[in-house]
Amino acid sequence: MITQKKESQSNFIHMVFFWLKDTSDKQVDAFKNRTISFLDQVDSIDTYHVGIPASTDRPIIERSYTVALVATFKDNKEHDIYQEHQAHKQFIDDCQHLWDNVKIFDTDK
């Protein structure tokens, strides 16, 4: 029997992890909504996910971040469009005061 796994058509994945200063439910929800609002404006994104740490609890799992953003793109060129998009730049300008730390991980095929 041959098992075929579904492979994403996206070749570039952009993962951003935010450590917010205010981790109250109200602030986290507002930040997630603001993030989704800007992502909806960027056509070069194939898919995105905005979430909080899952309830999984094993020693190897990093759960110290507050909000994660994962966006997929057809290729690096589409990612570059996202980086220069006015909505992305505005999001950073408007929200950077809300986080203590941010870490970004990009993967490419």
PDB file of N, CA and C in Angstrom:
ATOM      1  N   MET A   1       0.848  -1.184   0.000  1.00  0.00           N
ATOM      2  CA  MET A   1       0.000   0.000   0.000  1.00  0.00           C
ATOM      3  C   MET A   1       0.889   1.241   0.000  1.00  0.00           C
ATOM      4  N   ILE A   2       0.582   2.186  -0.862  1.00  0.00           N
ATOM      5  CA  ILE A   2       1.308   3.450  -0.943  1.00  0.00           C
ATOM      6  C   ILE A   2       0.473   4.525  -0.275  1.00  0.00           C
ATOM      7  N   THR A   3       1.106   5.233   0.634  1.00  0.00           N
ATOM      8  CA  THR A   3       0.434   6.338   1.313  1.00  0.00           C
ATOM      9  C   THR A   3       0.994   7.637   0.771  1.00  0.00           C
ATOM     10  N   GLN A   4       0.105   8.487   0.323  1.00  0.00           N
ATOM     11  CA  GLN A   4       0.531   9.779  -0.201  1.00  0.00           C
ATOM     12  C   GLN A   4       0.140  10.856   0.786  1.00  0.00           C
ATOM     13  N   LYS A   5       1.090  11.685   1.151  1.00  0.00           N
ATOM     14  CA  LYS A   5       0.821  12.788   2.063  1.00  0.00           C
ATOM     15  C   LYS A   5       0.580  14.057   1.270  1.00  0.00           C
ATOM     16  N   LYS A   6      -0.296  14.864   1.784  1.00  0.00           N
ATOM     17  CA  LYS A   6      -0.584  16.143   1.149  1.00  0.00           C
ATOM     18  C   LYS A   6       0.556  17.107   1.426  1.00  0.00           C
ATOM     19  N   GLU A   7       1.090  17.702   0.395  1.00  0.00           N
ATOM     20  CA  GLU A   7       2.155  18.686   0.540  1.00  0.00           C
ATOM     21  C   GLU A   7       1.619  20.064   0.176  1.00  0.00           C
ATOM     22  N   SER A   8       1.979  21.022   0.966  1.00  0.00           N
ATOM     23  CA  SER A   8       1.553  22.393   0.725  1.00  0.00           C
ATOM     24  C   SER A   8       2.128  22.909  -0.589  1.00  0.00           C
ATOM     25  N   GLN A   9       1.380  23.746  -1.255  1.00  0.00           N
ATOM     26  CA  GLN A   9       1.871  24.419  -2.454  1.00  0.00           C
ATOM     27  C   GLN A   9       2.750  25.608  -2.094  1.00  0.00           C
ATOM     28  N   SER A  10       2.766  25.970  -0.833  1.00  0.00           N
ATOM     29  CA  SER A  10       3.586  27.081  -0.368  1.00  0.00           C
ATOM     30  C   SER A  10       5.019  26.608  -0.181  1.00  0.00           C
ATOM     31  N   ASN A  11       5.948  27.385  -0.670  1.00  0.00           N
ATOM     32  CA  ASN A  11       7.358  27.035  -0.564  1.00  0.00           C
ATOM     33  C   ASN A  11       8.095  27.821   0.507  1.00  0.00           C
ATOM     34  N   PHE A  12       7.473  28.892   1.008  1.00  0.00           N
ATOM     35  CA  PHE A  12       8.129  29.768   1.982  1.00  0.00           C
ATOM     36  C   PHE A  12       7.196  29.933   3.178  1.00  0.00           C
ATOM     37  N   ILE A  13       7.709  29.676   4.373  1.00  0.00           N
ATOM     38  CA  ILE A  13       6.904  29.796   5.587  1.00  0.00           C
ATOM     39  C   ILE A  13       7.573  30.796   6.526  1.00  0.00           C
ATOM     40  N   HIS A  14       6.768  31.730   7.004  1.00  0.00           N
ATOM     41  CA  HIS A  14       7.217  32.833   7.871  1.00  0.00           C
ATOM     42  C   HIS A  14       6.518  32.667   9.219  1.00  0.00           C
ATOM     43  N   MET A  15       7.312  32.440  10.278  1.00  0.00           N
ATOM     44  CA  MET A  15       6.758  32.222  11.616  1.00  0.00           C
ATOM     45  C   MET A  15       7.240  33.334  12.540  1.00  0.00           C
ATOM     46  N   VAL A  16       6.304  33.986  13.211  1.00  0.00           N
ATOM     47  CA  VAL A  16       6.629  35.104  14.096  1.00  0.00           C
ATOM     48  C   VAL A  16       6.030  34.801  15.468  1.00  0.00           C
ATOM     49  N   PHE A  17       6.860  34.912  16.500  1.00  0.00           N
ATOM     50  CA  PHE A  17       6.416  34.665  17.864  1.00  0.00           C
ATOM     51  C   PHE A  17       6.587  35.947  18.666  1.00  0.00           C
ATOM     52  N   PHE A  18       5.485  36.376  19.298  1.00  0.00           N
ATOM     53  CA  PHE A  18       5.461  37.635  20.050  1.00  0.00           C
ATOM     54  C   PHE A  18       5.356  37.355  21.545  1.00  0.00           C
ATOM     55  N   TRP A  19       6.134  38.063  22.324  1.00  0.00           N
ATOM     56  CA  TRP A  19       6.019  38.074  23.769  1.00  0.00           C
ATOM     57  C   TRP A  19       5.463  39.451  24.130  1.00  0.00           C
ATOM     58  N   LEU A  20       4.161  39.504  24.403  1.00  0.00           N
ATOM     59  CA  LEU A  20       3.506  40.778  24.698  1.00  0.00           C
ATOM     60  C   LEU A  20       3.795  41.233  26.121  1.00  0.00           C
ATOM     61  N   LYS A  21       3.819  42.544  26.303  1.00  0.00           N
ATOM     62  CA  LYS A  21       4.013  43.123  27.634  1.00  0.00           C
ATOM     63  C   LYS A  21       2.786  42.874  28.510  1.00  0.00           C
ATOM     64  N   ASP A  22       1.617  43.086  27.938  1.00  0.00           N
ATOM     65  CA  ASP A  22       0.357  42.883  28.653  1.00  0.00           C
ATOM     66  C   ASP A  22      -0.256  41.582  28.132  1.00  0.00           C
ATOM     67  N   THR A  23      -0.300  40.583  28.976  1.00  0.00           N
ATOM     68  CA  THR A  23      -0.793  39.267  28.540  1.00  0.00           C
ATOM     69  C   THR A  23      -2.228  38.997  29.006  1.00  0.00           C
ATOM     70  N   SER A  24      -2.944  40.054  29.357  1.00  0.00           N
ATOM     71  CA  SER A  24      -4.347  39.873  29.732  1.00  0.00           C
ATOM     72  C   SER A  24      -5.137  39.383  28.521  1.00  0.00           C
ATOM     73  N   ASP A  25      -6.210  38.655  28.776  1.00  0.00           N
ATOM     74  CA  ASP A  25      -7.039  38.126  27.691  1.00  0.00           C
ATOM     75  C   ASP A  25      -7.511  39.233  26.751  1.00  0.00           C
ATOM     76  N   LYS A  26      -7.884  40.369  27.334  1.00  0.00           N
ATOM     77  CA  LYS A  26      -8.374  41.485  26.532  1.00  0.00           C
ATOM     78  C   LYS A  26      -7.296  41.975  25.563  1.00  0.00           C
ATOM     79  N   GLN A  27      -6.062  42.146  26.055  1.00  0.00           N
ATOM     80  CA  GLN A  27      -4.968  42.635  25.207  1.00  0.00           C
ATOM     81  C   GLN A  27      -4.572  41.595  24.169  1.00  0.00           C
ATOM     82  N   VAL A  28      -4.527  40.340  24.558  1.00  0.00           N
ATOM     83  CA  VAL A  28      -4.158  39.281  23.614  1.00  0.00           C
ATOM     84  C   VAL A  28      -5.187  39.196  22.496  1.00  0.00           C
ATOM     85  N   ASP A  29      -6.466  39.234  22.838  1.00  0.00           N
ATOM     86  CA  ASP A  29      -7.512  39.193  21.816  1.00  0.00           C
ATOM     87  C   ASP A  29      -7.429  40.406  20.887  1.00  0.00           C
ATOM     88  N   ALA A  30      -7.195  41.581  21.444  1.00  0.00           N
ATOM     89  CA  ALA A  30      -7.072  42.797  20.626  1.00  0.00           C
ATOM     90  C   ALA A  30      -5.869  42.685  19.685  1.00  0.00           C
ATOM     91  N   PHE A  31      -4.760  42.167  20.180  1.00  0.00           N
ATOM     92  CA  PHE A  31      -3.565  42.011  19.351  1.00  0.00           C
ATOM     93  C   PHE A  31      -3.809  40.994  18.236  1.00  0.00           C
ATOM     94  N   LYS A  32      -4.427  39.883  18.575  1.00  0.00           N
ATOM     95  CA  LYS A  32      -4.743  38.883  17.545  1.00  0.00           C
ATOM     96  C   LYS A  32      -5.642  39.477  16.461  1.00  0.00           C
ATOM     97  N   ASN A  33      -6.656  40.227  16.860  1.00  0.00           N
ATOM     98  CA  ASN A  33      -7.563  40.845  15.886  1.00  0.00           C
ATOM     99  C   ASN A  33      -6.842  41.857  15.013  1.00  0.00           C
ATOM    100  N   ARG A  34      -5.948  42.642  15.600  1.00  0.00           N
ATOM    101  CA  ARG A  34      -5.171  43.628  14.825  1.00  0.00           C
ATOM    102  C   ARG A  34      -4.250  42.912  13.831  1.00  0.00           C
ATOM    103  N   THR A  35      -3.678  41.810  14.258  1.00  0.00           N
ATOM    104  CA  THR A  35      -2.802  41.030  13.390  1.00  0.00           C
ATOM    105  C   THR A  35      -3.587  40.461  12.208  1.00  0.00           C
ATOM    106  N   ILE A  36      -4.715  39.865  12.481  1.00  0.00           N
ATOM    107  CA  ILE A  36      -5.562  39.302  11.419  1.00  0.00           C
ATOM    108  C   ILE A  36      -6.014  40.393  10.457  1.00  0.00           C
ATOM    109  N   SER A  37      -6.344  41.554  10.994  1.00  0.00           N
ATOM    110  CA  SER A  37      -6.786  42.668  10.156  1.00  0.00           C
ATOM    111  C   SER A  37      -5.725  43.060   9.138  1.00  0.00           C
ATOM    112  N   PHE A  38      -4.466  43.147   9.560  1.00  0.00           N
ATOM    113  CA  PHE A  38      -3.428  43.526   8.598  1.00  0.00           C
ATOM    114  C   PHE A  38      -3.134  42.389   7.627  1.00  0.00           C
ATOM    115  N   LEU A  39      -3.157  41.156   8.099  1.00  0.00           N
ATOM    116  CA  LEU A  39      -2.887  40.017   7.214  1.00  0.00           C
ATOM    117  C   LEU A  39      -3.920  39.917   6.089  1.00  0.00           C
ATOM    118  N   ASP A  40      -5.162  40.231   6.405  1.00  0.00           N
ATOM    119  CA  ASP A  40      -6.233  40.176   5.401  1.00  0.00           C
ATOM    120  C   ASP A  40      -6.012  41.163   4.259  1.00  0.00           C
ATOM    121  N   GLN A  41      -5.154  42.135   4.462  1.00  0.00           N
ATOM    122  CA  GLN A  41      -4.898  43.148   3.435  1.00  0.00           C
ATOM    123  C   GLN A  41      -3.765  42.780   2.477  1.00  0.00           C
ATOM    124  N   VAL A  42      -3.052  41.691   2.764  1.00  0.00           N
ATOM    125  CA  VAL A  42      -1.860  41.343   1.995  1.00  0.00           C
ATOM    126  C   VAL A  42      -2.165  40.171   1.065  1.00  0.00           C
ATOM    127  N   ASP A  43      -2.279  40.460  -0.219  1.00  0.00           N
ATOM    128  CA  ASP A  43      -2.659  39.445  -1.198  1.00  0.00           C
ATOM    129  C   ASP A  43      -1.573  38.403  -1.463  1.00  0.00           C
ATOM    130  N   SER A  44      -0.329  38.704  -1.169  1.00  0.00           N
ATOM    131  CA  SER A  44       0.744  37.750  -1.467  1.00  0.00           C
ATOM    132  C   SER A  44       0.780  36.570  -0.488  1.00  0.00           C
ATOM    133  N   ILE A  45       0.012  36.627   0.588  1.00  0.00           N
ATOM    134  CA  ILE A  45      -0.044  35.531   1.562  1.00  0.00           C
ATOM    135  C   ILE A  45      -0.935  34.420   1.012  1.00  0.00           C
ATOM    136  N   ASP A  46      -0.420  33.170   1.028  1.00  0.00           N
ATOM    137  CA  ASP A  46      -1.250  32.017   0.658  1.00  0.00           C
ATOM    138  C   ASP A  46      -2.201  31.664   1.794  1.00  0.00           C
ATOM    139  N   THR A  47      -1.637  31.428   2.972  1.00  0.00           N
ATOM    140  CA  THR A  47      -2.432  31.086   4.155  1.00  0.00           C
ATOM    141  C   THR A  47      -1.791  31.741   5.367  1.00  0.00           C
ATOM    142  N   TYR A  48      -2.586  31.878   6.422  1.00  0.00           N
ATOM    143  CA  TYR A  48      -2.017  32.336   7.682  1.00  0.00           C
ATOM    144  C   TYR A  48      -2.768  31.725   8.847  1.00  0.00           C
ATOM    145  N   HIS A  49      -2.097  31.721   9.988  1.00  0.00           N
ATOM    146  CA  HIS A  49      -2.681  31.254  11.249  1.00  0.00           C
ATOM    147  C   HIS A  49      -2.171  32.180  12.338  1.00  0.00           C
ATOM    148  N   VAL A  50      -3.067  32.654  13.180  1.00  0.00           N
ATOM    149  CA  VAL A  50      -2.711  33.460  14.342  1.00  0.00           C
ATOM    150  C   VAL A  50      -3.265  32.739  15.559  1.00  0.00           C
ATOM    151  N   GLY A  51      -2.409  32.427  16.528  1.00  0.00           N
ATOM    152  CA  GLY A  51      -2.878  31.677  17.685  1.00  0.00           C
ATOM    153  C   GLY A  51      -2.031  31.901  18.912  1.00  0.00           C
ATOM    154  N   ILE A  52      -2.460  31.260  19.975  1.00  0.00           N
ATOM    155  CA  ILE A  52      -1.770  31.303  21.264  1.00  0.00           C
ATOM    156  C   ILE A  52      -1.183  29.917  21.528  1.00  0.00           C
ATOM    157  N   PRO A  53      -0.295  29.801  22.512  1.00  0.00           N
ATOM    158  CA  PRO A  53       0.274  28.486  22.796  1.00  0.00           C
ATOM    159  C   PRO A  53      -0.823  27.451  23.086  1.00  0.00           C
ATOM    160  N   ALA A  54      -0.655  26.292  22.483  1.00  0.00           N
ATOM    161  CA  ALA A  54      -1.599  25.199  22.728  1.00  0.00           C
ATOM    162  C   ALA A  54      -1.424  24.679  24.149  1.00  0.00           C
ATOM    163  N   SER A  55      -2.380  23.926  24.616  1.00  0.00           N
ATOM    164  CA  SER A  55      -2.332  23.413  25.988  1.00  0.00           C
ATOM    165  C   SER A  55      -1.420  22.196  26.128  1.00  0.00           C
ATOM    166  N   THR A  56      -0.782  21.780  25.057  1.00  0.00           N
ATOM    167  CA  THR A  56       0.167  20.677  25.153  1.00  0.00           C
ATOM    168  C   THR A  56       1.257  21.043  26.150  1.00  0.00           C
ATOM    169  N   ASP A  57       1.643  20.076  26.965  1.00  0.00           N
ATOM    170  CA  ASP A  57       2.601  20.379  28.026  1.00  0.00           C
ATOM    171  C   ASP A  57       3.616  19.251  28.150  1.00  0.00           C
ATOM    172  N   ARG A  58       4.691  19.394  27.377  1.00  0.00           N
ATOM    173  CA  ARG A  58       5.822  18.483  27.469  1.00  0.00           C
ATOM    174  C   ARG A  58       7.065  19.343  27.600  1.00  0.00           C
ATOM    175  N   PRO A  59       8.100  18.854  28.245  1.00  0.00           N
ATOM    176  CA  PRO A  59       9.294  19.680  28.495  1.00  0.00           C
ATOM    177  C   PRO A  59       9.900  20.292  27.235  1.00  0.00           C
ATOM    178  N   ILE A  60       9.766  19.663  26.103  1.00  0.00           N
ATOM    179  CA  ILE A  60      10.412  20.151  24.885  1.00  0.00           C
ATOM    180  C   ILE A  60       9.633  21.262  24.180  1.00  0.00           C
ATOM    181  N   ILE A  61       8.394  21.474  24.574  1.00  0.00           N
ATOM    182  CA  ILE A  61       7.536  22.449  23.890  1.00  0.00           C
ATOM    183  C   ILE A  61       7.756  23.851  24.453  1.00  0.00           C
ATOM    184  N   GLU A  62       8.026  24.795  23.552  1.00  0.00           N
ATOM    185  CA  GLU A  62       8.192  26.209  23.916  1.00  0.00           C
ATOM    186  C   GLU A  62       6.814  26.843  24.009  1.00  0.00           C
ATOM    187  N   ARG A  63       6.444  27.281  25.203  1.00  0.00           N
ATOM    188  CA  ARG A  63       5.125  27.875  25.413  1.00  0.00           C
ATOM    189  C   ARG A  63       5.215  29.260  26.043  1.00  0.00           C
ATOM    190  N   SER A  64       6.392  29.871  26.040  1.00  0.00           N
ATOM    191  CA  SER A  64       6.543  31.145  26.746  1.00  0.00           C
ATOM    192  C   SER A  64       6.058  32.346  25.936  1.00  0.00           C
ATOM    193  N   TYR A  65       5.854  32.172  24.630  1.00  0.00           N
ATOM    194  CA  TYR A  65       5.385  33.281  23.802  1.00  0.00           C
ATOM    195  C   TYR A  65       3.907  33.546  24.081  1.00  0.00           C
ATOM    196  N   THR A  66       3.421  34.685  23.646  1.00  0.00           N
ATOM    197  CA  THR A  66       2.026  35.064  23.877  1.00  0.00           C
ATOM    198  C   THR A  66       1.160  34.794  22.657  1.00  0.00           C
ATOM    199  N   VAL A  67       1.631  35.199  21.480  1.00  0.00           N
ATOM    200  CA  VAL A  67       0.883  35.036  20.227  1.00  0.00           C
ATOM    201  C   VAL A  67       1.853  34.612  19.132  1.00  0.00           C
ATOM    202  N   ALA A  68       1.400  33.702  18.283  1.00  0.00           N
ATOM    203  CA  ALA A  68       2.195  33.271  17.140  1.00  0.00           C
ATOM    204  C   ALA A  68       1.453  33.587  15.854  1.00  0.00           C
ATOM    205  N   LEU A  69       2.227  33.932  14.849  1.00  0.00           N
ATOM    206  CA  LEU A  69       1.712  34.168  13.502  1.00  0.00           C
ATOM    207  C   LEU A  69       2.508  33.272  12.560  1.00  0.00           C
ATOM    208  N   VAL A  70       1.800  32.488  11.755  1.00  0.00           N
ATOM    209  CA  VAL A  70       2.437  31.671  10.732  1.00  0.00           C
ATOM    210  C   VAL A  70       1.780  32.033   9.406  1.00  0.00           C
ATOM    211  N   ALA A  71       2.586  32.478   8.453  1.00  0.00           N
ATOM    212  CA  ALA A  71       2.081  32.836   7.125  1.00  0.00           C
ATOM    213  C   ALA A  71       2.857  32.035   6.087  1.00  0.00           C
ATOM    214  N   THR A  72       2.150  31.569   5.061  1.00  0.00           N
ATOM    215  CA  THR A  72       2.801  30.832   3.993  1.00  0.00           C
ATOM    216  C   THR A  72       2.709  31.623   2.696  1.00  0.00           C
ATOM    217  N   PHE A  73       3.733  31.425   1.867  1.00  0.00           N
ATOM    218  CA  PHE A  73       3.847  32.151   0.606  1.00  0.00           C
ATOM    219  C   PHE A  73       4.270  31.195  -0.501  1.00  0.00           C
ATOM    220  N   LYS A  74       3.926  31.541  -1.722  1.00  0.00           N
ATOM    221  CA  LYS A  74       4.325  30.735  -2.873  1.00  0.00           C
ATOM    222  C   LYS A  74       5.840  30.648  -2.971  1.00  0.00           C
ATOM    223  N   ASP A  75       6.515  31.761  -2.692  1.00  0.00           N
ATOM    224  CA  ASP A  75       7.969  31.798  -2.784  1.00  0.00           C
ATOM    225  C   ASP A  75       8.504  33.009  -2.027  1.00  0.00           C
ATOM    226  N   ASN A  76       9.816  33.132  -2.024  1.00  0.00           N
ATOM    227  CA  ASN A  76      10.479  34.221  -1.314  1.00  0.00           C
ATOM    228  C   ASN A  76      10.065  35.590  -1.876  1.00  0.00           C
ATOM    229  N   LYS A  77       9.829  35.651  -3.166  1.00  0.00           N
ATOM    230  CA  LYS A  77       9.416  36.911  -3.795  1.00  0.00           C
ATOM    231  C   LYS A  77       8.080  37.396  -3.207  1.00  0.00           C
ATOM    232  N   GLU A  78       7.143  36.474  -3.033  1.00  0.00           N
ATOM    233  CA  GLU A  78       5.849  36.837  -2.445  1.00  0.00           C
ATOM    234  C   GLU A  78       6.025  37.277  -0.983  1.00  0.00           C
ATOM    235  N   HIS A  79       6.949  36.644  -0.283  1.00  0.00           N
ATOM    236  CA  HIS A  79       7.260  37.053   1.087  1.00  0.00           C
ATOM    237  C   HIS A  79       7.825  38.472   1.117  1.00  0.00           C
ATOM    238  N   ASP A  80       8.701  38.776   0.141  1.00  0.00           N
ATOM    239  CA  ASP A  80       9.275  40.124   0.069  1.00  0.00           C
ATOM    240  C   ASP A  80       8.200  41.174  -0.159  1.00  0.00           C
ATOM    241  N   ILE A  81       7.196  40.834  -0.947  1.00  0.00           N
ATOM    242  CA  ILE A  81       6.066  41.755  -1.162  1.00  0.00           C
ATOM    243  C   ILE A  81       5.365  42.024   0.167  1.00  0.00           C
ATOM    244  N   TYR A  82       5.141  40.969   0.928  1.00  0.00           N
ATOM    245  CA  TYR A  82       4.534  41.086   2.263  1.00  0.00           C
ATOM    246  C   TYR A  82       5.358  42.009   3.158  1.00  0.00           C
ATOM    247  N   GLN A  83       6.677  41.829   3.157  1.00  0.00           N
ATOM    248  CA  GLN A  83       7.541  42.630   4.019  1.00  0.00           C
ATOM    249  C   GLN A  83       7.442  44.120   3.706  1.00  0.00           C
ATOM    250  N   GLU A  84       7.256  44.451   2.455  1.00  0.00           N
ATOM    251  CA  GLU A  84       7.195  45.852   2.030  1.00  0.00           C
ATOM    252  C   GLU A  84       5.773  46.413   1.976  1.00  0.00           C
ATOM    253  N   HIS A  85       4.778  45.576   2.223  1.00  0.00           N
ATOM    254  CA  HIS A  85       3.381  46.006   2.146  1.00  0.00           C
ATOM    255  C   HIS A  85       3.094  47.069   3.219  1.00  0.00           C
ATOM    256  N   GLN A  86       2.359  48.075   2.847  1.00  0.00           N
ATOM    257  CA  GLN A  86       2.048  49.176   3.764  1.00  0.00           C
ATOM    258  C   GLN A  86       1.318  48.678   5.012  1.00  0.00           C
ATOM    259  N   ALA A  87       0.439  47.705   4.873  1.00  0.00           N
ATOM    260  CA  ALA A  87      -0.288  47.186   6.041  1.00  0.00           C
ATOM    261  C   ALA A  87       0.669  46.532   7.035  1.00  0.00           C
ATOM    262  N   HIS A  88       1.689  45.846   6.531  1.00  0.00           N
ATOM    263  CA  HIS A  88       2.694  45.218   7.402  1.00  0.00           C
ATOM    264  C   HIS A  88       3.510  46.284   8.127  1.00  0.00           C
ATOM    265  N   LYS A  89       3.961  47.277   7.378  1.00  0.00           N
ATOM    266  CA  LYS A  89       4.736  48.353   7.990  1.00  0.00           C
ATOM    267  C   LYS A  89       3.917  49.118   9.028  1.00  0.00           C
ATOM    268  N   GLN A  90       2.649  49.364   8.723  1.00  0.00           N
ATOM    269  CA  GLN A  90       1.772  50.073   9.652  1.00  0.00           C
ATOM    270  C   GLN A  90       1.544  49.252  10.916  1.00  0.00           C
ATOM    271  N   PHE A  91       1.365  47.936  10.758  1.00  0.00           N
ATOM    272  CA  PHE A  91       1.200  47.052  11.907  1.00  0.00           C
ATOM    273  C   PHE A  91       2.405  47.162  12.846  1.00  0.00           C
ATOM    274  N   ILE A  92       3.599  47.113  12.289  1.00  0.00           N
ATOM    275  CA  ILE A  92       4.812  47.223  13.106  1.00  0.00           C
ATOM    276  C   ILE A  92       4.854  48.575  13.815  1.00  0.00           C
ATOM    277  N   ASP A  93       4.616  49.645  13.078  1.00  0.00           N
ATOM    278  CA  ASP A  93       4.632  50.987  13.679  1.00  0.00           C
ATOM    279  C   ASP A  93       3.603  51.120  14.801  1.00  0.00           C
ATOM    280  N   ASP A  94       2.418  50.574  14.567  1.00  0.00           N
ATOM    281  CA  ASP A  94       1.324  50.709  15.531  1.00  0.00           C
ATOM    282  C   ASP A  94       1.465  49.797  16.746  1.00  0.00           C
ATOM    283  N   CYS A  95       2.137  48.666  16.574  1.00  0.00           N
ATOM    284  CA  CYS A  95       2.092  47.635  17.624  1.00  0.00           C
ATOM    285  C   CYS A  95       3.416  47.307  18.297  1.00  0.00           C
ATOM    286  N   GLN A  96       4.525  47.778  17.778  1.00  0.00           N
ATOM    287  CA  GLN A  96       5.808  47.351  18.347  1.00  0.00           C
ATOM    288  C   GLN A  96       5.973  47.718  19.818  1.00  0.00           C
ATOM    289  N   HIS A  97       5.263  48.724  20.261  1.00  0.00           N
ATOM    290  CA  HIS A  97       5.334  49.087  21.678  1.00  0.00           C
ATOM    291  C   HIS A  97       4.625  48.072  22.578  1.00  0.00           C
ATOM    292  N   LEU A  98       3.868  47.164  21.976  1.00  0.00           N
ATOM    293  CA  LEU A  98       3.094  46.188  22.745  1.00  0.00           C
ATOM    294  C   LEU A  98       3.895  44.950  23.137  1.00  0.00           C
ATOM    295  N   TRP A  99       5.041  44.724  22.471  1.00  0.00           N
ATOM    296  CA  TRP A  99       5.785  43.502  22.783  1.00  0.00           C
ATOM    297  C   TRP A  99       7.142  43.794  23.408  1.00  0.00           C
ATOM    298  N   ASP A 100       7.558  42.840  24.243  1.00  0.00           N
ATOM    299  CA  ASP A 100       8.899  42.858  24.838  1.00  0.00           C
ATOM    300  C   ASP A 100       9.905  42.208  23.907  1.00  0.00           C
ATOM    301  N   ASN A 101       9.451  41.201  23.185  1.00  0.00           N
ATOM    302  CA  ASN A 101      10.347  40.425  22.344  1.00  0.00           C
ATOM    303  C   ASN A 101       9.562  39.859  21.171  1.00  0.00           C
ATOM    304  N   VAL A 102      10.256  39.667  20.075  1.00  0.00           N
ATOM    305  CA  VAL A 102       9.678  39.011  18.907  1.00  0.00           C
ATOM    306  C   VAL A 102      10.787  38.168  18.276  1.00  0.00           C
ATOM    307  N   LYS A 103      10.447  36.962  17.872  1.00  0.00           N
ATOM    308  CA  LYS A 103      11.397  36.078  17.189  1.00  0.00           C
ATOM    309  C   LYS A 103      10.752  35.624  15.880  1.00  0.00           C
ATOM    310  N   ILE A 104      11.558  35.602  14.843  1.00  0.00           N
ATOM    311  CA  ILE A 104      11.066  35.248  13.513  1.00  0.00           C
ATOM    312  C   ILE A 104      11.880  34.080  12.984  1.00  0.00           C
ATOM    313  N   PHE A 105      11.170  33.109  12.434  1.00  0.00           N
ATOM    314  CA  PHE A 105      11.779  31.951  11.797  1.00  0.00           C
ATOM    315  C   PHE A 105      11.198  31.833  10.392  1.00  0.00           C
ATOM    316  N   ASP A 106      12.048  31.822   9.377  1.00  0.00           N
ATOM    317  CA  ASP A 106      11.621  31.658   7.993  1.00  0.00           C
ATOM    318  C   ASP A 106      12.181  30.343   7.454  1.00  0.00           C
ATOM    319  N   THR A 107      11.362  29.628   6.701  1.00  0.00           N
ATOM    320  CA  THR A 107      11.831  28.395   6.057  1.00  0.00           C
ATOM    321  C   THR A 107      11.511  28.465   4.574  1.00  0.00           C
ATOM    322  N   ASP A 108      12.384  27.870   3.797  1.00  0.00           N
ATOM    323  CA  ASP A 108      12.251  27.851   2.355  1.00  0.00           C
ATOM    324  C   ASP A 108      12.566  26.436   1.873  1.00  0.00           C
ATOM    325  N   LYS A 109      11.891  26.008   0.821  1.00  0.00           N
ATOM    326  CA  LYS A 109      12.190  24.667   0.283  1.00  0.00           C
ATOM    327  C   LYS A 109      13.469  24.682  -0.500  1.00  0.00           C
TER     328      LYS A 109
END
